[in-house]
C-alpha atoms as a PDB file:
ATOM      1  CA  UNK A   1     180.949  36.655  97.046  1.00  0.00           C
ATOM      2  CA  UNK A   2     184.179  38.430  96.382  1.00  0.00           C
ATOM      3  CA  UNK A   3     187.151  36.287  95.564  1.00  0.00           C
ATOM      4  CA  UNK A   4     189.417  35.048  92.827  1.00  0.00           C
ATOM      5  CA  UNK A   5     186.511  33.276  91.217  1.00  0.00           C
ATOM      6  CA  UNK A   6     184.802  36.666  90.905  1.00  0.00           C
ATOM      7  CA  UNK A   7     187.786  38.061  89.039  1.00  0.00           C
ATOM      8  CA  UNK A   8     189.635  39.822  91.841  1.00  0.00           C
ATOM      9  CA  UNK A   9     193.148  38.467  91.748  1.00  0.00           C
ATOM     10  CA  UNK A  10     194.726  38.036  95.131  1.00  0.00           C
ATOM     11  CA  UNK A  11     191.465  38.191  97.049  1.00  0.00           C
ATOM     12  CA  UNK A  12     190.811  35.273  99.316  1.00  0.00           C
ATOM     13  CA  UNK A  13     188.072  32.931  98.208  1.00  0.00           C
ATOM     14  CA  UNK A  14     185.181  32.972 100.593  1.00  0.00           C
ATOM     15  CA  UNK A  15     185.539  36.576 101.660  1.00  0.00           C
ATOM     16  CA  UNK A  16     182.028  37.873 101.268  1.00  0.00           C
ATOM     17  CA  UNK A  17     180.529  41.241 100.641  1.00  0.00           C
ATOM     18  CA  UNK A  18     176.792  41.127 100.847  1.00  0.00           C
ATOM     19  CA  UNK A  19     174.325  43.968 100.421  1.00  0.00           C
ATOM     20  CA  UNK A  20     172.172  44.149 103.496  1.00  0.00           C
ATOM     21  CA  UNK A  21     168.781  45.809 103.034  1.00  0.00           C
ATOM     22  CA  UNK A  22     168.336  45.629 106.818  1.00  0.00           C
ATOM     23  CA  UNK A  23     171.262  47.971 107.341  1.00  0.00           C
ATOM     24  CA  UNK A  24     169.717  50.454 104.934  1.00  0.00           C
ATOM     25  CA  UNK A  25     166.349  50.174 106.675  1.00  0.00           C
ATOM     26  CA  UNK A  26     168.044  50.683 110.051  1.00  0.00           C
ATOM     27  CA  UNK A  27     169.783  53.776 108.729  1.00  0.00           C
ATOM     28  CA  UNK A  28     166.495  55.128 107.432  1.00  0.00           C
ATOM     29  CA  UNK A  29     164.885  54.572 110.818  1.00  0.00           C
ATOM     30  CA  UNK A  30     167.862  56.156 112.580  1.00  0.00           C
ATOM     31  CA  UNK A  31     167.637  59.159 110.291  1.00  0.00           C
ATOM     32  CA  UNK A  32     163.916  59.485 110.982  1.00  0.00           C
ATOM     33  CA  UNK A  33     164.539  59.261 114.741  1.00  0.00           C
ATOM     34  CA  UNK A  34     167.280  61.867 114.556  1.00  0.00           C
ATOM     35  CA  UNK A  35     165.133  64.230 112.512  1.00  0.00           C
ATOM     36  CA  UNK A  36     162.270  63.732 114.971  1.00  0.00           C
ATOM     37  CA  UNK A  37     164.521  64.537 117.940  1.00  0.00           C
ATOM     38  CA  UNK A  38     165.912  67.617 116.219  1.00  0.00           C
ATOM     39  CA  UNK A  39     162.363  68.723 115.391  1.00  0.00           C
ATOM     40  CA  UNK A  40     161.292  68.290 119.010  1.00  0.00           C
ATOM     41  CA  UNK A  41     164.348  70.246 120.160  1.00  0.00           C
ATOM     42  CA  UNK A  42     163.556  73.064 117.743  1.00  0.00           C
ATOM     43  CA  UNK A  43     159.948  73.223 118.979  1.00  0.00           C
ATOM     44  CA  UNK A  44     161.161  73.249 122.550  1.00  0.00           C
ATOM     45  CA  UNK A  45     163.645  76.059 121.959  1.00  0.00           C
ATOM     46  CA  UNK A  46     160.982  78.066 120.119  1.00  0.00           C
ATOM     47  CA  UNK A  47     158.650  77.716 123.102  1.00  0.00           C
ATOM     48  CA  UNK A  48     161.182  78.677 125.785  1.00  0.00           C
ATOM     49  CA  UNK A  49     160.197  82.343 125.623  1.00  0.00           C
ATOM     50  CA  UNK A  50     156.646  81.407 126.641  1.00  0.00           C
ATOM     51  CA  UNK A  51     157.592  78.984 129.443  1.00  0.00           C
ATOM     52  CA  UNK A  52     156.948  80.346 132.933  1.00  0.00           C
ATOM     53  CA  UNK A  53     160.077  80.586 135.086  1.00  0.00           C
ATOM     54  CA  UNK A  54     158.921  77.827 137.429  1.00  0.00           C
ATOM     55  CA  UNK A  55     158.688  75.422 134.447  1.00  0.00           C
ATOM     56  CA  UNK A  56     161.907  76.557 132.773  1.00  0.00           C
ATOM     57  CA  UNK A  57     164.135  74.035 134.561  1.00  0.00           C
ATOM     58  CA  UNK A  58     161.913  71.171 133.379  1.00  0.00           C
ATOM     59  CA  UNK A  59     161.952  72.473 129.802  1.00  0.00           C
ATOM     60  CA  UNK A  60     165.738  72.812 129.895  1.00  0.00           C
ATOM     61  CA  UNK A  61     166.066  69.291 131.312  1.00  0.00           C
ATOM     62  CA  UNK A  62     163.944  68.058 128.421  1.00  0.00           C
ATOM     63  CA  UNK A  63     166.237  69.898 125.990  1.00  0.00           C
ATOM     64  CA  UNK A  64     169.299  68.345 127.610  1.00  0.00           C
ATOM     65  CA  UNK A  65     167.698  64.904 127.292  1.00  0.00           C
ATOM     66  CA  UNK A  66     167.012  65.458 123.602  1.00  0.00           C
ATOM     67  CA  UNK A  67     170.555  66.682 123.069  1.00  0.00           C
ATOM     68  CA  UNK A  68     171.867  63.565 124.821  1.00  0.00           C
ATOM     69  CA  UNK A  69     169.793  61.347 122.502  1.00  0.00           C
ATOM     70  CA  UNK A  70     170.999  63.251 119.439  1.00  0.00           C
ATOM     71  CA  UNK A  71     174.602  63.017 120.617  1.00  0.00           C
ATOM     72  CA  UNK A  72     174.257  59.302 121.300  1.00  0.00           C
ATOM     73  CA  UNK A  73     172.805  58.753 117.829  1.00  0.00           C
ATOM     74  CA  UNK A  74     175.637  60.681 116.196  1.00  0.00           C
ATOM     75  CA  UNK A  75     178.265  58.761 118.184  1.00  0.00           C
ATOM     76  CA  UNK A  76     176.628  55.476 117.172  1.00  0.00           C
ATOM     77  CA  UNK A  77     176.692  56.476 113.530  1.00  0.00           C
ATOM     78  CA  UNK A  78     180.350  57.477 113.768  1.00  0.00           C
ATOM     79  CA  UNK A  79     181.200  54.123 115.345  1.00  0.00           C
ATOM     80  CA  UNK A  80     179.274  52.276 112.642  1.00  0.00           C
ATOM     81  CA  UNK A  81     180.989  54.292 109.921  1.00  0.00           C
ATOM     82  CA  UNK A  82     184.375  53.543 111.482  1.00  0.00           C
ATOM     83  CA  UNK A  83     183.593  49.828 111.601  1.00  0.00           C
ATOM     84  CA  UNK A  84     182.448  49.851 107.977  1.00  0.00           C
ATOM     85  CA  UNK A  85     185.540  51.776 106.937  1.00  0.00           C
ATOM     86  CA  UNK A  86     187.771  49.204 108.634  1.00  0.00           C
ATOM     87  CA  UNK A  87     185.863  46.375 106.920  1.00  0.00           C
ATOM     88  CA  UNK A  88     186.367  48.020 103.536  1.00  0.00           C
ATOM     89  CA  UNK A  89     190.037  48.591 104.302  1.00  0.00           C
ATOM     90  CA  UNK A  90     190.432  44.938 105.264  1.00  0.00           C
ATOM     91  CA  UNK A  91     188.766  43.807 102.035  1.00  0.00           C
ATOM     92  CA  UNK A  92     190.868  46.152  99.913  1.00  0.00           C
ATOM     93  CA  UNK A  93     193.971  44.933 101.720  1.00  0.00           C
ATOM     94  CA  UNK A  94     193.244  41.452 100.397  1.00  0.00           C
ATOM     95  CA  UNK A  95     193.046  42.535  96.758  1.00  0.00           C
ATOM     96  CA  UNK A  96     196.122  42.403  94.534  1.00  0.00           C
ATOM     97  CA  UNK A  97     196.059  45.586  92.469  1.00  0.00           C
ATOM     98  CA  UNK A  98     199.341  44.656  90.747  1.00  0.00           C
ATOM     99  CA  UNK A  99     197.788  43.849  87.359  1.00  0.00           C
ATOM    100  CA  UNK A 100     195.765  47.057  87.421  1.00  0.00           C
ATOM    101  CA  UNK A 101     198.795  49.132  88.426  1.00  0.00           C
ATOM    102  CA  UNK A 102     200.867  47.515  85.680  1.00  0.00           C
ATOM    103  CA  UNK A 103     198.183  48.219  83.066  1.00  0.00           C
ATOM    104  CA  UNK A 104     197.978  51.863  84.191  1.00  0.00           C
ATOM    105  CA  UNK A 105     201.761  52.225  84.016  1.00  0.00           C
ATOM    106  CA  UNK A 106     201.756  50.782  80.489  1.00  0.00           C
ATOM    107  CA  UNK A 107     198.928  53.097  79.468  1.00  0.00           C
ATOM    108  CA  UNK A 108     200.678  56.158  80.929  1.00  0.00           C
ATOM    109  CA  UNK A 109     203.968  55.143  79.305  1.00  0.00           C
ATOM    110  CA  UNK A 110     202.253  54.907  75.889  1.00  0.00           C
ATOM    111  CA  UNK A 111     200.694  58.345  76.423  1.00  0.00           C
ATOM    112  CA  UNK A 112     204.097  59.848  77.299  1.00  0.00           C
ATOM    113  CA  UNK A 113     205.962  58.252  74.404  1.00  0.00           C
ATOM    114  CA  UNK A 114     203.356  58.702  71.669  1.00  0.00           C
ATOM    115  CA  UNK A 115     201.468  61.729  72.973  1.00  0.00           C
ATOM    116  CA  UNK A 116     198.174  60.024  72.256  1.00  0.00           C
ATOM    117  CA  UNK A 117     195.945  58.516  74.892  1.00  0.00           C
ATOM    118  CA  UNK A 118     195.606  54.742  74.768  1.00  0.00           C
ATOM    119  CA  UNK A 119     197.711  54.084  71.696  1.00  0.00           C
END
């Protein structure tokens, strides 16, 4: 749990950040699926020279289908990344960085006035 009891001043108690192994497993599976689709597409494009003209339309339709799956996967990942980014932004918006900022200002002031870091 992230909150004031965890040492983050200004964060709301009860706001949780939990590592989810399922999300990581899902991402691994998604990556495997994407790589598989890209591999199939590469094989298909390599074989287009050998495809008879009467089968070319079918092969191209298969390529378009693979491209649609790849595109859908990429769009899904972008949406997920956007959602996660908003979640992180929301969590960071709840944290009071005032004490940290003040400590950094004091540290920088000491460096400017004494010329030595951290004194």
